[in-house]
Amino acid sequence: MHAGFWIGIAITVAVVIGASVLVGMILSRPRGEPLSHHDKVNALKASGALKHRKSGR
Protein backbone atom coordinates (compact mmCIF):
# COMPACT_ATOMS: atom_id res chain seq x y z
CA MET A 1 0.00 0.00 0.00
CA HIS A 2 2.79 2.44 0.83
CA ALA A 3 4.71 1.55 -2.34
CA GLY A 4 1.73 2.52 -4.52
CA PHE A 5 1.48 5.86 -2.74
CA TRP A 6 5.14 6.68 -3.38
CA ILE A 7 4.89 5.55 -7.01
CA GLY A 8 1.91 7.89 -7.44
CA ILE A 9 3.87 10.75 -5.87
CA ALA A 10 6.85 10.06 -8.17
CA ILE A 11 4.61 10.01 -11.27
CA THR A 12 2.92 13.25 -10.20
CA VAL A 13 6.27 14.97 -9.64
CA ALA A 14 7.54 13.74 -13.04
CA VAL A 15 4.42 15.07 -14.79
CA VAL A 16 4.69 18.48 -13.09
CA ILE A 17 8.39 18.79 -13.94
CA GLY A 18 7.77 17.70 -17.55
CA ALA A 19 4.95 20.20 -17.95
CA SER A 20 7.03 23.05 -16.55
CA VAL A 21 9.94 22.21 -18.87
CA LEU A 22 7.57 22.12 -21.84
CA VAL A 23 6.04 25.48 -20.96
CA GLY A 24 9.51 26.96 -20.48
CA MET A 25 10.61 25.73 -23.91
CA ILE A 26 7.49 27.17 -25.55
CA LEU A 27 7.93 30.56 -23.87
CA SER A 28 11.65 30.83 -24.65
CA ARG A 29 11.50 29.98 -28.35
CA PRO A 30 12.35 32.77 -30.78
CA ARG A 31 9.45 34.86 -32.00
CA GLY A 32 10.51 34.93 -35.65
CA GLU A 33 11.91 37.80 -37.65
CA PRO A 34 11.71 41.27 -36.07
CA LEU A 35 9.75 43.90 -37.96
CA SER A 36 11.64 46.37 -40.11
CA HIS A 37 11.44 50.07 -39.27
CA HIS A 38 8.99 50.63 -42.13
CA ASP A 39 6.72 47.82 -40.91
CA LYS A 40 6.83 49.17 -37.34
CA VAL A 41 5.81 52.64 -38.50
CA ASN A 42 2.99 51.21 -40.59
CA ALA A 43 1.76 49.18 -37.60
CA LEU A 44 1.80 52.30 -35.41
CA LYS A 45 -0.11 54.26 -38.04
CA ALA A 46 -2.70 51.51 -38.38
CA SER A 47 -3.19 51.34 -34.60
CA GLY A 48 -3.80 55.08 -34.39
CA ALA A 49 -0.82 55.71 -32.12
CA LEU A 50 0.48 58.53 -34.34
CA LYS A 51 -2.72 60.57 -34.68
CA HIS A 52 -1.09 63.66 -33.17
CA ARG A 53 1.79 63.51 -35.67
CA LYS A 54 1.84 64.62 -39.26
CA SER A 55 3.15 61.18 -40.30
CA GLY A 56 0.06 59.51 -38.85
CA ARG A 57 -2.38 61.10 -41.28
PDB file of N, CA and C in Angstrom:
ATOM      1  N   MET A   1       0.830  -1.187   0.000  1.00  0.00           N
ATOM      2  CA  MET A   1       0.000   0.000   0.000  1.00  0.00           C
ATOM      3  C   MET A   1       0.876   1.253   0.000  1.00  0.00           C
ATOM      4  N   HIS A   2       1.915   1.274   0.784  1.00  0.00           N
ATOM      5  CA  HIS A   2       2.794   2.436   0.830  1.00  0.00           C
ATOM      6  C   HIS A   2       3.579   2.583  -0.455  1.00  0.00           C
ATOM      7  N   ALA A   3       3.934   1.490  -1.097  1.00  0.00           N
ATOM      8  CA  ALA A   3       4.708   1.552  -2.342  1.00  0.00           C
ATOM      9  C   ALA A   3       3.877   2.220  -3.437  1.00  0.00           C
ATOM     10  N   GLY A   4       2.605   1.898  -3.518  1.00  0.00           N
ATOM     11  CA  GLY A   4       1.729   2.517  -4.518  1.00  0.00           C
ATOM     12  C   GLY A   4       1.595   4.008  -4.311  1.00  0.00           C
ATOM     13  N   PHE A   5       1.561   4.437  -3.058  1.00  0.00           N
ATOM     14  CA  PHE A   5       1.480   5.859  -2.740  1.00  0.00           C
ATOM     15  C   PHE A   5       2.715   6.584  -3.256  1.00  0.00           C
ATOM     16  N   TRP A   6       3.902   6.033  -2.975  1.00  0.00           N
ATOM     17  CA  TRP A   6       5.138   6.685  -3.379  1.00  0.00           C
ATOM     18  C   TRP A   6       5.320   6.651  -4.899  1.00  0.00           C
ATOM     19  N   ILE A   7       4.840   5.602  -5.534  1.00  0.00           N
ATOM     20  CA  ILE A   7       4.889   5.554  -7.006  1.00  0.00           C
ATOM     21  C   ILE A   7       3.985   6.638  -7.582  1.00  0.00           C
ATOM     22  N   GLY A   8       2.823   6.826  -6.997  1.00  0.00           N
ATOM     23  CA  GLY A   8       1.914   7.889  -7.437  1.00  0.00           C
ATOM     24  C   GLY A   8       2.522   9.268  -7.248  1.00  0.00           C
ATOM     25  N   ILE A   9       3.204   9.470  -6.120  1.00  0.00           N
ATOM     26  CA  ILE A   9       3.875  10.749  -5.872  1.00  0.00           C
ATOM     27  C   ILE A   9       4.967  10.971  -6.908  1.00  0.00           C
ATOM     28  N   ALA A  10       5.753   9.940  -7.201  1.00  0.00           N
ATOM     29  CA  ALA A  10       6.845  10.058  -8.175  1.00  0.00           C
ATOM     30  C   ALA A  10       6.301  10.376  -9.568  1.00  0.00           C
ATOM     31  N   ILE A  11       5.217   9.737  -9.955  1.00  0.00           N
ATOM     32  CA  ILE A  11       4.609  10.009 -11.270  1.00  0.00           C
ATOM     33  C   ILE A  11       4.085  11.441 -11.322  1.00  0.00           C
ATOM     34  N   THR A  12       3.440  11.891 -10.245  1.00  0.00           N
ATOM     35  CA  THR A  12       2.917  13.251 -10.200  1.00  0.00           C
ATOM     36  C   THR A  12       4.041  14.274 -10.313  1.00  0.00           C
ATOM     37  N   VAL A  13       5.134  14.048  -9.581  1.00  0.00           N
ATOM     38  CA  VAL A  13       6.274  14.966  -9.643  1.00  0.00           C
ATOM     39  C   VAL A  13       6.866  14.983 -11.048  1.00  0.00           C
ATOM     40  N   ALA A  14       6.988  13.810 -11.682  1.00  0.00           N
ATOM     41  CA  ALA A  14       7.536  13.742 -13.040  1.00  0.00           C
ATOM     42  C   ALA A  14       6.648  14.494 -14.032  1.00  0.00           C
ATOM     43  N   VAL A  15       5.343  14.374 -13.889  1.00  0.00           N
ATOM     44  CA  VAL A  15       4.418  15.072 -14.785  1.00  0.00           C
ATOM     45  C   VAL A  15       4.527  16.584 -14.598  1.00  0.00           C
ATOM     46  N   VAL A  16       4.597  17.035 -13.360  1.00  0.00           N
ATOM     47  CA  VAL A  16       4.688  18.475 -13.092  1.00  0.00           C
ATOM     48  C   VAL A  16       5.999  19.037 -13.644  1.00  0.00           C
ATOM     49  N   ILE A  17       7.106  18.325 -13.427  1.00  0.00           N
ATOM     50  CA  ILE A  17       8.392  18.795 -13.943  1.00  0.00           C
ATOM     51  C   ILE A  17       8.388  18.796 -15.466  1.00  0.00           C
ATOM     52  N   GLY A  18       7.850  17.755 -16.083  1.00  0.00           N
ATOM     53  CA  GLY A  18       7.772  17.696 -17.546  1.00  0.00           C
ATOM     54  C   GLY A  18       6.932  18.827 -18.120  1.00  0.00           C
ATOM     55  N   ALA A  19       5.810  19.116 -17.472  1.00  0.00           N
ATOM     56  CA  ALA A  19       4.950  20.200 -17.948  1.00  0.00           C
ATOM     57  C   ALA A  19       5.648  21.547 -17.820  1.00  0.00           C
ATOM     58  N   SER A  20       6.357  21.766 -16.720  1.00  0.00           N
ATOM     59  CA  SER A  20       7.031  23.053 -16.550  1.00  0.00           C
ATOM     60  C   SER A  20       8.171  23.214 -17.549  1.00  0.00           C
ATOM     61  N   VAL A  21       8.888  22.135 -17.851  1.00  0.00           N
ATOM     62  CA  VAL A  21       9.940  22.209 -18.865  1.00  0.00           C
ATOM     63  C   VAL A  21       9.340  22.504 -20.232  1.00  0.00           C
ATOM     64  N   LEU A  22       8.235  21.882 -20.556  1.00  0.00           N
ATOM     65  CA  LEU A  22       7.574  22.116 -21.841  1.00  0.00           C
ATOM     66  C   LEU A  22       7.109  23.561 -21.966  1.00  0.00           C
ATOM     67  N   VAL A  23       6.492  24.092 -20.924  1.00  0.00           N
ATOM     68  CA  VAL A  23       6.035  25.480 -20.961  1.00  0.00           C
ATOM     69  C   VAL A  23       7.232  26.426 -21.081  1.00  0.00           C
ATOM     70  N   GLY A  24       8.313  26.130 -20.377  1.00  0.00           N
ATOM     71  CA  GLY A  24       9.510  26.955 -20.482  1.00  0.00           C
ATOM     72  C   GLY A  24      10.095  26.957 -21.879  1.00  0.00           C
ATOM     73  N   MET A  25      10.095  25.807 -22.540  1.00  0.00           N
ATOM     74  CA  MET A  25      10.610  25.734 -23.911  1.00  0.00           C
ATOM     75  C   MET A  25       9.723  26.517 -24.873  1.00  0.00           C
ATOM     76  N   ILE A  26       8.414  26.439 -24.667  1.00  0.00           N
ATOM     77  CA  ILE A  26       7.487  27.168 -25.546  1.00  0.00           C
ATOM     78  C   ILE A  26       7.665  28.674 -25.368  1.00  0.00           C
ATOM     79  N   LEU A  27       7.817  29.124 -24.123  1.00  0.00           N
ATOM     80  CA  LEU A  27       7.935  30.562 -23.869  1.00  0.00           C
ATOM     81  C   LEU A  27       9.285  31.125 -24.297  1.00  0.00           C
ATOM     82  N   SER A  28      10.316  30.314 -24.342  1.00  0.00           N
ATOM     83  CA  SER A  28      11.649  30.829 -24.654  1.00  0.00           C
ATOM     84  C   SER A  28      12.029  30.683 -26.124  1.00  0.00           C
ATOM     85  N   ARG A  29      11.152  30.136 -26.931  1.00  0.00           N
ATOM     86  CA  ARG A  29      11.500  29.977 -28.352  1.00  0.00           C
ATOM     87  C   ARG A  29      11.508  31.336 -29.033  1.00  0.00           C
ATOM     88  N   PRO A  30      12.294  31.482 -30.082  1.00  0.00           N
ATOM     89  CA  PRO A  30      12.347  32.775 -30.778  1.00  0.00           C
ATOM     90  C   PRO A  30      11.009  33.119 -31.424  1.00  0.00           C
ATOM     91  N   ARG A  31      10.743  34.379 -31.503  1.00  0.00           N
ATOM     92  CA  ARG A  31       9.448  34.861 -32.003  1.00  0.00           C
ATOM     93  C   ARG A  31       9.413  35.013 -33.523  1.00  0.00           C
ATOM     94  N   GLY A  32      10.483  34.739 -34.211  1.00  0.00           N
ATOM     95  CA  GLY A  32      10.515  34.933 -35.651  1.00  0.00           C
ATOM     96  C   GLY A  32      11.288  36.192 -35.987  1.00  0.00           C
ATOM     97  N   GLU A  33      11.166  36.637 -37.201  1.00  0.00           N
ATOM     98  CA  GLU A  33      11.915  37.805 -37.650  1.00  0.00           C
ATOM     99  C   GLU A  33      11.353  39.086 -37.041  1.00  0.00           C
ATOM    100  N   PRO A  34      12.204  39.983 -36.566  1.00  0.00           N
ATOM    101  CA  PRO A  34      11.711  41.267 -36.072  1.00  0.00           C
ATOM    102  C   PRO A  34      11.212  42.132 -37.236  1.00  0.00           C
ATOM    103  N   LEU A  35      10.303  43.023 -36.929  1.00  0.00           N
ATOM    104  CA  LEU A  35       9.754  43.904 -37.958  1.00  0.00           C
ATOM    105  C   LEU A  35      10.788  44.935 -38.375  1.00  0.00           C
ATOM    106  N   SER A  36      10.773  45.291 -39.641  1.00  0.00           N
ATOM    107  CA  SER A  36      11.644  46.366 -40.110  1.00  0.00           C
ATOM    108  C   SER A  36      11.085  47.699 -39.608  1.00  0.00           C
ATOM    109  N   HIS A  37      11.880  48.739 -39.723  1.00  0.00           N
ATOM    110  CA  HIS A  37      11.439  50.066 -39.267  1.00  0.00           C
ATOM    111  C   HIS A  37      10.177  50.494 -40.017  1.00  0.00           C
ATOM    112  N   HIS A  38      10.151  50.254 -41.316  1.00  0.00           N
ATOM    113  CA  HIS A  38       8.991  50.629 -42.130  1.00  0.00           C
ATOM    114  C   HIS A  38       7.736  49.892 -41.661  1.00  0.00           C
ATOM    115  N   ASP A  39       7.868  48.588 -41.371  1.00  0.00           N
ATOM    116  CA  ASP A  39       6.715  47.816 -40.907  1.00  0.00           C
ATOM    117  C   ASP A  39       6.253  48.281 -39.525  1.00  0.00           C
ATOM    118  N   LYS A  40       7.202  48.664 -38.652  1.00  0.00           N
ATOM    119  CA  LYS A  40       6.833  49.168 -37.336  1.00  0.00           C
ATOM    120  C   LYS A  40       6.044  50.463 -37.449  1.00  0.00           C
ATOM    121  N   VAL A  41       6.502  51.367 -38.317  1.00  0.00           N
ATOM    122  CA  VAL A  41       5.812  52.645 -38.495  1.00  0.00           C
ATOM    123  C   VAL A  41       4.423  52.415 -39.068  1.00  0.00           C
ATOM    124  N   ASN A  42       4.305  51.516 -40.023  1.00  0.00           N
ATOM    125  CA  ASN A  42       2.987  51.209 -40.589  1.00  0.00           C
ATOM    126  C   ASN A  42       2.058  50.621 -39.537  1.00  0.00           C
ATOM    127  N   ALA A  43       2.584  49.757 -38.661  1.00  0.00           N
ATOM    128  CA  ALA A  43       1.764  49.177 -37.603  1.00  0.00           C
ATOM    129  C   ALA A  43       1.308  50.260 -36.631  1.00  0.00           C
ATOM    130  N   LEU A  44       2.186  51.202 -36.293  1.00  0.00           N
ATOM    131  CA  LEU A  44       1.800  52.305 -35.408  1.00  0.00           C
ATOM    132  C   LEU A  44       0.732  53.185 -36.054  1.00  0.00           C
ATOM    133  N   LYS A  45       0.890  53.457 -37.345  1.00  0.00           N
ATOM    134  CA  LYS A  45      -0.107  54.263 -38.043  1.00  0.00           C
ATOM    135  C   LYS A  45      -1.457  53.558 -38.048  1.00  0.00           C
ATOM    136  N   ALA A  46      -1.453  52.264 -38.322  1.00  0.00           N
ATOM    137  CA  ALA A  46      -2.704  51.513 -38.385  1.00  0.00           C
ATOM    138  C   ALA A  46      -3.382  51.438 -37.020  1.00  0.00           C
ATOM    139  N   SER A  47      -2.598  51.433 -35.939  1.00  0.00           N
ATOM    140  CA  SER A  47      -3.187  51.344 -34.602  1.00  0.00           C
ATOM    141  C   SER A  47      -3.714  52.690 -34.112  1.00  0.00           C
ATOM    142  N   GLY A  48      -3.347  53.765 -34.800  1.00  0.00           N
ATOM    143  CA  GLY A  48      -3.798  55.083 -34.386  1.00  0.00           C
ATOM    144  C   GLY A  48      -2.894  55.732 -33.364  1.00  0.00           C
ATOM    145  N   ALA A  49      -1.728  55.181 -33.133  1.00  0.00           N
ATOM    146  CA  ALA A  49      -0.819  55.712 -32.122  1.00  0.00           C
ATOM    147  C   ALA A  49      -0.169  57.021 -32.563  1.00  0.00           C
ATOM    148  N   LEU A  50      -0.201  57.325 -33.831  1.00  0.00           N
ATOM    149  CA  LEU A  50       0.480  58.525 -34.344  1.00  0.00           C
ATOM    150  C   LEU A  50      -0.519  59.587 -34.810  1.00  0.00           C
ATOM    151  N   LYS A  51      -1.702  59.615 -34.229  1.00  0.00           N
ATOM    152  CA  LYS A  51      -2.723  60.568 -34.682  1.00  0.00           C
ATOM    153  C   LYS A  51      -2.285  62.019 -34.486  1.00  0.00           C
ATOM    154  N   HIS A  52      -1.511  62.289 -33.452  1.00  0.00           N
ATOM    155  CA  HIS A  52      -1.091  63.664 -33.170  1.00  0.00           C
ATOM    156  C   HIS A  52       0.091  64.091 -34.037  1.00  0.00           C
ATOM    157  N   ARG A  53       0.637  63.197 -34.839  1.00  0.00           N
ATOM    158  CA  ARG A  53       1.789  63.508 -35.669  1.00  0.00           C
ATOM    159  C   ARG A  53       1.380  63.646 -37.123  1.00  0.00           C
ATOM    160  N   LYS A  54       2.137  64.413 -37.842  1.00  0.00           N
ATOM    161  CA  LYS A  54       1.842  64.620 -39.262  1.00  0.00           C
ATOM    162  C   LYS A  54       1.974  63.298 -40.017  1.00  0.00           C
ATOM    163  N   SER A  55       2.928  62.435 -39.583  1.00  0.00           N
ATOM    164  CA  SER A  55       3.151  61.175 -40.298  1.00  0.00           C
ATOM    165  C   SER A  55       2.011  60.179 -40.086  1.00  0.00           C
ATOM    166  N   GLY A  56       1.131  60.445 -39.137  1.00  0.00           N
ATOM    167  CA  GLY A  56       0.057  59.508 -38.852  1.00  0.00           C
ATOM    168  C   GLY A  56      -1.193  59.749 -39.686  1.00  0.00           C
ATOM    169  N   ARG A  57      -1.175  60.770 -40.509  1.00  0.00           N
ATOM    170  CA  ARG A  57      -2.379  61.101 -41.280  1.00  0.00           C
ATOM    171  C   ARG A  57      -2.509  60.257 -42.518  1.00  0.00           C
TER     172      ARG A  57
END
